Amino acid sequence: MAAKPPPPHGLGAPGRRLWRDVVAAYVLDPTEVALLVAACRTVDELVRLDAELAVAPLLTTGSRGQPVAHPLLAEARQHRRTLEQLSRSLALPLPGQQVGAVRSPQQRDAARSRWRAVGRTAAREVSGG
């Protein structure tokens, strides 16, 4: 059995925890390792952003004196999107889920649609239609 890769240098506690949890459960290829590194760094950044936002006002003053949302709100939202995309790209199965199973609703619906089409085609071939 191959040794579990150590976490990359510079990860914070949340990123190291994610790293340990994933490499303990899965054997990753080099592309998946790179995605996991990015996800771990994104988790660490998101934790830092959330900590800053916990003590920062939600509104600040814009260039014309108008109230505007704190810029870190948009940055945190973007980090959440990035983490979601990285997680999807890793495509790790959920606990108890069959490897290769479709997880997103869009993927599930697309697969069902393909299988319905395959079923209709097979039924036509059997009936000679």
C-alpha atoms as a PDB file:
ATOM      1  CA  MET A   1       0.000   0.000   0.000  1.00  0.00           C
ATOM      2  CA  ALA A   2       1.376   3.399  -0.957  1.00  0.00           C
ATOM      3  CA  ALA A   3       2.236   5.897   1.760  1.00  0.00           C
ATOM      4  CA  LYS A   4      -0.229   8.713   2.273  1.00  0.00           C
ATOM      5  CA  PRO A   5       1.205  11.976   0.916  1.00  0.00           C
ATOM      6  CA  PRO A   6       1.920  14.575   3.601  1.00  0.00           C
ATOM      7  CA  PRO A   7      -0.048  17.825   3.522  1.00  0.00           C
ATOM      8  CA  PRO A   8       1.537  20.622   1.498  1.00  0.00           C
ATOM      9  CA  HIS A   9       3.643  23.142   3.379  1.00  0.00           C
ATOM     10  CA  GLY A  10       1.834  26.223   4.612  1.00  0.00           C
ATOM     11  CA  LEU A  11      -1.656  24.812   5.144  1.00  0.00           C
ATOM     12  CA  GLY A  12      -3.607  25.992   8.162  1.00  0.00           C
ATOM     13  CA  ALA A  13      -5.485  23.664  10.497  1.00  0.00           C
ATOM     14  CA  PRO A  14      -8.698  23.567   8.377  1.00  0.00           C
ATOM     15  CA  GLY A  15      -6.760  22.830   5.191  1.00  0.00           C
ATOM     16  CA  ARG A  16      -4.670  20.130   6.892  1.00  0.00           C
ATOM     17  CA  ARG A  17      -7.838  18.529   8.301  1.00  0.00           C
ATOM     18  CA  LEU A  18      -9.399  18.395   4.823  1.00  0.00           C
ATOM     19  CA  TRP A  19      -6.163  16.971   3.416  1.00  0.00           C
ATOM     20  CA  ARG A  20      -5.956  14.250   6.094  1.00  0.00           C
ATOM     21  CA  ASP A  21      -9.618  13.296   5.710  1.00  0.00           C
ATOM     22  CA  VAL A  22      -9.383  12.931   1.928  1.00  0.00           C
ATOM     23  CA  VAL A  23      -6.024  11.138   1.673  1.00  0.00           C
ATOM     24  CA  ALA A  24      -7.082   8.765   4.471  1.00  0.00           C
ATOM     25  CA  ALA A  25     -10.097   7.653   2.442  1.00  0.00           C
ATOM     26  CA  TYR A  26      -8.910   7.841  -1.180  1.00  0.00           C
ATOM     27  CA  VAL A  27      -5.923   7.161  -3.405  1.00  0.00           C
ATOM     28  CA  LEU A  28      -5.521  10.194  -5.651  1.00  0.00           C
ATOM     29  CA  ASP A  29      -3.836  10.586  -9.000  1.00  0.00           C
ATOM     30  CA  PRO A  30      -1.565  13.640  -9.566  1.00  0.00           C
ATOM     31  CA  THR A  31      -4.391  15.741 -11.021  1.00  0.00           C
ATOM     32  CA  GLU A  32      -6.613  14.987  -8.048  1.00  0.00           C
ATOM     33  CA  VAL A  33      -3.752  15.849  -5.683  1.00  0.00           C
ATOM     34  CA  ALA A  34      -3.413  19.252  -7.366  1.00  0.00           C
ATOM     35  CA  LEU A  35      -7.162  19.837  -7.028  1.00  0.00           C
ATOM     36  CA  LEU A  36      -7.035  18.809  -3.379  1.00  0.00           C
ATOM     37  CA  VAL A  37      -4.133  21.202  -2.706  1.00  0.00           C
ATOM     38  CA  ALA A  38      -6.152  24.046  -4.245  1.00  0.00           C
ATOM     39  CA  ALA A  39      -9.246  23.056  -2.242  1.00  0.00           C
ATOM     40  CA  CYS A  40      -7.261  22.950   1.014  1.00  0.00           C
ATOM     41  CA  ARG A  41      -5.752  26.382   0.374  1.00  0.00           C
ATOM     42  CA  THR A  42      -9.199  27.728  -0.524  1.00  0.00           C
ATOM     43  CA  VAL A  43     -10.629  26.347   2.737  1.00  0.00           C
ATOM     44  CA  ASP A  44      -7.880  28.092   4.701  1.00  0.00           C
ATOM     45  CA  GLU A  45      -8.498  31.387   2.888  1.00  0.00           C
ATOM     46  CA  LEU A  46     -12.247  31.098   3.414  1.00  0.00           C
ATOM     47  CA  VAL A  47     -11.763  30.544   7.152  1.00  0.00           C
ATOM     48  CA  ARG A  48      -9.609  33.691   7.295  1.00  0.00           C
ATOM     49  CA  LEU A  49     -12.171  35.682   5.312  1.00  0.00           C
ATOM     50  CA  ASP A  50     -14.994  34.482   7.552  1.00  0.00           C
ATOM     51  CA  ALA A  51     -12.997  35.444  10.656  1.00  0.00           C
ATOM     52  CA  GLU A  52     -12.452  38.952   9.273  1.00  0.00           C
ATOM     53  CA  LEU A  53     -16.120  39.272   8.349  1.00  0.00           C
ATOM     54  CA  ALA A  54     -17.182  38.160  11.822  1.00  0.00           C
ATOM     55  CA  VAL A  55     -15.806  41.414  13.267  1.00  0.00           C
ATOM     56  CA  ALA A  56     -16.200  43.702  10.248  1.00  0.00           C
ATOM     57  CA  PRO A  57     -19.312  45.731   9.510  1.00  0.00           C
ATOM     58  CA  LEU A  58     -21.404  44.293   6.674  1.00  0.00           C
ATOM     59  CA  LEU A  59     -21.696  47.760   5.144  1.00  0.00           C
ATOM     60  CA  THR A  60     -18.969  50.235   4.403  1.00  0.00           C
ATOM     61  CA  THR A  61     -18.835  53.598   2.660  1.00  0.00           C
ATOM     62  CA  GLY A  62     -18.453  53.653  -1.109  1.00  0.00           C
ATOM     63  CA  SER A  63     -16.488  56.148  -3.193  1.00  0.00           C
ATOM     64  CA  ARG A  64     -19.408  58.585  -3.252  1.00  0.00           C
ATOM     65  CA  GLY A  65     -20.283  58.210   0.397  1.00  0.00           C
ATOM     66  CA  GLN A  66     -23.052  55.682  -0.246  1.00  0.00           C
ATOM     67  CA  PRO A  67     -23.390  52.521   1.852  1.00  0.00           C
ATOM     68  CA  VAL A  68     -22.062  49.452   0.043  1.00  0.00           C
ATOM     69  CA  ALA A  69     -21.557  45.827   1.012  1.00  0.00           C
ATOM     70  CA  HIS A  70     -18.189  45.080   2.558  1.00  0.00           C
ATOM     71  CA  PRO A  71     -15.828  43.893  -0.223  1.00  0.00           C
ATOM     72  CA  LEU A  72     -14.906  40.766   1.731  1.00  0.00           C
ATOM     73  CA  LEU A  73     -18.491  39.526   1.350  1.00  0.00           C
ATOM     74  CA  ALA A  74     -18.011  39.182  -2.398  1.00  0.00           C
ATOM     75  CA  GLU A  75     -14.599  37.606  -1.898  1.00  0.00           C
ATOM     76  CA  ALA A  76     -15.970  35.038   0.558  1.00  0.00           C
ATOM     77  CA  ARG A  77     -18.825  34.225  -1.835  1.00  0.00           C
ATOM     78  CA  GLN A  78     -16.317  33.701  -4.658  1.00  0.00           C
ATOM     79  CA  HIS A  79     -14.188  31.440  -2.460  1.00  0.00           C
ATOM     80  CA  ARG A  80     -17.263  29.332  -1.682  1.00  0.00           C
ATOM     81  CA  ARG A  81     -17.948  28.977  -5.399  1.00  0.00           C
ATOM     82  CA  THR A  82     -14.328  28.066  -6.041  1.00  0.00           C
ATOM     83  CA  LEU A  83     -14.411  25.451  -3.289  1.00  0.00           C
ATOM     84  CA  GLU A  84     -17.620  23.997  -4.717  1.00  0.00           C
ATOM     85  CA  GLN A  85     -16.079  23.791  -8.199  1.00  0.00           C
ATOM     86  CA  LEU A  86     -12.904  22.174  -6.878  1.00  0.00           C
ATOM     87  CA  SER A  87     -14.972  19.677  -4.899  1.00  0.00           C
ATOM     88  CA  ARG A  88     -17.000  18.798  -7.984  1.00  0.00           C
ATOM     89  CA  SER A  89     -13.836  18.420 -10.032  1.00  0.00           C
ATOM     90  CA  LEU A  90     -12.457  15.990  -7.462  1.00  0.00           C
ATOM     91  CA  ALA A  91     -15.727  14.029  -7.800  1.00  0.00           C
ATOM     92  CA  LEU A  92     -15.053  11.971  -4.698  1.00  0.00           C
ATOM     93  CA  PRO A  93     -17.924   9.661  -3.811  1.00  0.00           C
ATOM     94  CA  LEU A  94     -19.904  10.438  -0.681  1.00  0.00           C
ATOM     95  CA  PRO A  95     -19.668   7.952   2.208  1.00  0.00           C
ATOM     96  CA  GLY A  96     -21.566   4.808   1.238  1.00  0.00           C
ATOM     97  CA  GLN A  97     -21.926   5.992  -2.358  1.00  0.00           C
ATOM     98  CA  GLN A  98     -20.903   3.758  -5.224  1.00  0.00           C
ATOM     99  CA  VAL A  99     -17.709   4.892  -6.966  1.00  0.00           C
ATOM    100  CA  GLY A 100     -18.610   6.555 -10.245  1.00  0.00           C
ATOM    101  CA  ALA A 101     -22.130   7.380  -9.081  1.00  0.00           C
ATOM    102  CA  VAL A 102     -23.663  10.596 -10.370  1.00  0.00           C
ATOM    103  CA  ARG A 103     -24.045  13.193  -7.620  1.00  0.00           C
ATOM    104  CA  SER A 104     -25.368  16.482  -8.979  1.00  0.00           C
ATOM    105  CA  PRO A 105     -29.054  16.809  -9.858  1.00  0.00           C
ATOM    106  CA  GLN A 106     -28.140  17.954 -13.370  1.00  0.00           C
ATOM    107  CA  GLN A 107     -25.868  14.958 -13.906  1.00  0.00           C
ATOM    108  CA  ARG A 108     -28.507  12.595 -12.511  1.00  0.00           C
ATOM    109  CA  ASP A 109     -31.226  14.037 -14.778  1.00  0.00           C
ATOM    110  CA  ALA A 110     -28.951  13.874 -17.817  1.00  0.00           C
ATOM    111  CA  ALA A 111     -28.092  10.241 -17.070  1.00  0.00           C
ATOM    112  CA  ARG A 112     -31.761   9.338 -16.647  1.00  0.00           C
ATOM    113  CA  SER A 113     -32.580  11.046 -19.930  1.00  0.00           C
ATOM    114  CA  ARG A 114     -29.823   9.123 -21.738  1.00  0.00           C
ATOM    115  CA  TRP A 115     -30.998   5.823 -20.269  1.00  0.00           C
ATOM    116  CA  ARG A 116     -34.613   6.537 -21.248  1.00  0.00           C
ATOM    117  CA  ALA A 117     -33.446   7.231 -24.798  1.00  0.00           C
ATOM    118  CA  VAL A 118     -31.397   4.024 -24.813  1.00  0.00           C
ATOM    119  CA  GLY A 119     -34.422   2.112 -23.508  1.00  0.00           C
ATOM    120  CA  ARG A 120     -36.698   3.524 -26.245  1.00  0.00           C
ATOM    121  CA  THR A 121     -34.136   2.674 -28.915  1.00  0.00           C
ATOM    122  CA  ALA A 122     -33.755  -0.879 -27.571  1.00  0.00           C
ATOM    123  CA  ALA A 123     -37.557  -1.313 -27.434  1.00  0.00           C
ATOM    124  CA  ARG A 124     -37.891  -0.205 -31.077  1.00  0.00           C
ATOM    125  CA  GLU A 125     -35.179  -2.635 -32.148  1.00  0.00           C
ATOM    126  CA  VAL A 126     -36.854  -5.525 -30.337  1.00  0.00           C
ATOM    127  CA  SER A 127     -40.275  -4.684 -31.811  1.00  0.00           C
ATOM    128  CA  GLY A 128     -38.804  -4.251 -35.256  1.00  0.00           C
ATOM    129  CA  GLY A 129     -39.837  -0.565 -35.430  1.00  0.00           C
END
